[in-house]
């Protein structure tokens, strides 16, 4: 019961910070209210609580929950991977903005800051994005242009 309450509180904080970040970058209010609603479903709730709070890690159960989450939430880049070619399709800007708000909200919960520039720099090669989507993402990440310019200066 305590684990469920802790997870509920985590989700509420995450949704609150996603909402705040999303409004700053132009997301729709209803879109943000419905953000990650599947995490409250039976398909995702128990596996997430078991893994992160009860430390009863059933890998196959969690993997099914994670797949369920990605398959039902188009703000995740994984949703846009073609199952036949394994190549990314272009994401609509509507969902790109929500994805960025999600990353920023997760950052705020975990680090106390909405800044995702260092996280994105470290993880961008693992994130499969269509080339057009990547351009849009990098133009929408607050401060990415300055961060990118600083990386180039360091490498030179």
Protein backbone atom coordinates (compact mmCIF):
# COMPACT_ATOMS: atom_id res chain seq x y z
CA UNK A 1 0.00 0.00 0.00
CA UNK A 2 2.82 2.44 0.86
CA UNK A 3 4.56 1.60 -2.43
CA UNK A 4 1.35 2.37 -4.33
CA UNK A 5 1.00 5.74 -2.59
CA UNK A 6 4.63 6.61 -3.32
CA UNK A 7 4.18 5.71 -6.97
CA UNK A 8 0.94 7.70 -7.15
CA UNK A 9 2.72 10.73 -5.66
CA UNK A 10 5.61 10.31 -8.13
CA UNK A 11 3.15 10.21 -11.07
CA UNK A 12 1.31 13.29 -9.83
CA UNK A 13 4.59 15.21 -9.48
CA UNK A 14 5.73 14.03 -12.91
CA UNK A 15 2.42 15.02 -14.52
CA UNK A 16 2.53 18.42 -12.80
CA UNK A 17 6.04 19.16 -14.06
CA UNK A 18 5.23 17.84 -17.55
CA UNK A 19 2.22 20.15 -17.57
CA UNK A 20 4.32 23.18 -16.59
CA UNK A 21 7.06 22.38 -19.12
CA UNK A 22 4.51 21.57 -21.82
CA UNK A 23 2.68 24.85 -21.43
CA UNK A 24 6.00 26.69 -21.79
CA UNK A 25 6.74 24.97 -25.11
CA UNK A 26 3.24 25.18 -26.56
CA UNK A 27 1.50 21.87 -25.74
CA UNK A 28 -2.28 21.65 -25.59
CA UNK A 29 -3.81 21.64 -22.08
CA UNK A 30 -5.96 18.53 -22.67
CA UNK A 31 -2.98 16.70 -24.16
CA UNK A 32 -0.99 17.44 -21.00
CA UNK A 33 -3.81 16.45 -18.64
CA UNK A 34 -4.07 13.09 -20.43
CA UNK A 35 -0.28 12.65 -20.52
CA UNK A 36 0.81 9.17 -19.32
CA UNK A 37 -2.76 8.24 -18.37
CA UNK A 38 -1.95 4.59 -19.19
CA UNK A 39 0.43 4.50 -16.21
CA UNK A 40 -2.71 4.35 -14.06
CA UNK A 41 -3.93 1.24 -15.90
CA UNK A 42 -3.63 -2.27 -14.49
CA UNK A 43 -1.33 -3.16 -17.39
CA UNK A 44 1.29 -0.70 -16.21
CA UNK A 45 0.67 0.18 -12.55
CA UNK A 46 1.66 -3.05 -10.81
CA UNK A 47 4.73 -3.85 -12.93
CA UNK A 48 6.06 -0.31 -12.44
CA UNK A 49 5.41 -0.33 -8.68
CA UNK A 50 6.94 -3.80 -8.36
CA UNK A 51 10.08 -2.80 -10.22
CA UNK A 52 10.76 0.65 -8.81
CA UNK A 53 9.34 0.54 -5.29
CA UNK A 54 8.84 -3.06 -4.19
CA UNK A 55 12.05 -4.27 -5.85
CA UNK A 56 10.26 -7.41 -7.07
CA UNK A 57 11.63 -7.13 -10.55
CA UNK A 58 9.77 -9.48 -12.86
CA UNK A 59 11.57 -8.54 -16.07
CA UNK A 60 9.03 -10.02 -18.48
CA UNK A 61 6.11 -8.39 -16.63
CA UNK A 62 7.88 -5.02 -16.66
CA UNK A 63 8.86 -5.39 -20.33
CA UNK A 64 5.20 -6.04 -21.24
CA UNK A 65 4.17 -2.96 -19.25
CA UNK A 66 6.84 -0.84 -20.92
CA UNK A 67 5.80 -2.05 -24.38
CA UNK A 68 2.17 -1.32 -23.49
CA UNK A 69 3.18 2.19 -22.47
CA UNK A 70 5.17 2.90 -25.64
CA UNK A 71 2.53 1.35 -27.92
CA UNK A 72 -0.26 3.45 -26.41
CA UNK A 73 1.48 6.80 -25.99
CA UNK A 74 2.53 8.52 -29.21
CA UNK A 75 4.65 11.08 -27.35
CA UNK A 76 7.34 8.37 -27.09
CA UNK A 77 9.75 8.10 -30.00
CA UNK A 78 9.48 4.29 -29.71
CA UNK A 79 5.85 4.54 -30.86
CA UNK A 80 7.06 5.82 -34.24
CA UNK A 81 9.47 2.97 -35.03
CA UNK A 82 8.26 0.98 -38.04
CA UNK A 83 7.93 -2.65 -36.86
CA UNK A 84 8.93 -4.03 -40.27
CA UNK A 85 11.90 -1.83 -41.15
CA UNK A 86 12.87 -0.83 -37.58
CA UNK A 87 13.32 2.71 -38.92
CA UNK A 88 11.77 5.79 -37.33
CA UNK A 89 8.82 7.54 -38.95
CA UNK A 90 8.49 11.30 -38.71
CA UNK A 91 6.63 12.45 -35.57
CA UNK A 92 4.02 15.20 -35.69
CA UNK A 93 5.16 18.34 -33.84
CA UNK A 94 2.16 17.95 -31.51
CA UNK A 95 3.74 14.78 -30.07
CA UNK A 96 7.32 16.05 -30.29
CA UNK A 97 6.40 18.88 -27.94
CA UNK A 98 4.80 16.43 -25.50
CA UNK A 99 7.89 14.19 -25.69
CA UNK A 100 10.10 17.14 -24.79
CA UNK A 101 7.76 18.14 -21.98
CA UNK A 102 7.96 14.53 -20.74
CA UNK A 103 11.75 14.60 -20.75
CA UNK A 104 11.76 17.99 -19.02
CA UNK A 105 9.22 16.87 -16.42
CA UNK A 106 11.19 13.70 -15.68
CA UNK A 107 14.33 15.81 -15.35
CA UNK A 108 12.59 18.18 -12.94
CA UNK A 109 11.45 15.30 -10.71
CA UNK A 110 14.87 13.60 -10.73
CA UNK A 111 17.30 16.55 -10.73
CA UNK A 112 15.28 19.59 -9.68
CA UNK A 113 15.84 21.23 -13.08
CA UNK A 114 13.92 21.28 -16.36
CA UNK A 115 17.21 21.50 -18.29
CA UNK A 116 17.60 18.45 -20.56
CA UNK A 117 20.54 19.64 -22.67
CA UNK A 118 23.17 17.44 -20.97
CA UNK A 119 20.80 14.45 -20.83
CA UNK A 120 19.97 14.81 -24.52
CA UNK A 121 23.64 15.23 -25.49
CA UNK A 122 24.44 12.00 -23.64
CA UNK A 123 21.45 10.01 -24.96
CA UNK A 124 20.76 11.38 -28.45
CA UNK A 125 22.50 8.49 -30.23
CA UNK A 126 20.26 5.97 -28.41
CA UNK A 127 17.07 7.80 -29.39
CA UNK A 128 15.93 6.71 -32.85
CA UNK A 129 14.40 9.73 -34.54
CA UNK A 130 13.53 10.44 -38.15
CA UNK A 131 16.00 13.10 -39.44
CA UNK A 132 13.23 15.71 -39.74
CA UNK A 133 11.98 14.89 -36.24
CA UNK A 134 15.53 15.28 -34.87
CA UNK A 135 15.81 18.75 -36.42
CA UNK A 136 12.50 19.77 -34.84
CA UNK A 137 13.52 18.28 -31.46
CA UNK A 138 16.84 20.10 -31.45
CA UNK A 139 15.18 23.37 -32.40
CA UNK A 140 12.65 23.02 -29.58
CA UNK A 141 14.95 21.97 -26.73
CA UNK A 142 15.44 25.13 -24.69
CA UNK A 143 19.10 26.11 -24.83
CA UNK A 144 20.14 23.29 -27.19
CA UNK A 145 21.62 25.65 -29.78
CA UNK A 146 23.89 27.27 -27.17
CA UNK A 147 24.79 23.88 -25.65
CA UNK A 148 25.59 22.48 -29.11
CA UNK A 149 27.76 25.51 -29.97
CA UNK A 150 29.68 25.05 -26.69
CA UNK A 151 30.25 21.34 -27.51
CA UNK A 152 31.70 22.28 -30.90
CA UNK A 153 34.06 24.81 -29.27
CA UNK A 154 35.28 22.16 -26.81
CA UNK A 155 35.88 19.62 -29.59
CA UNK A 156 37.90 22.11 -31.68
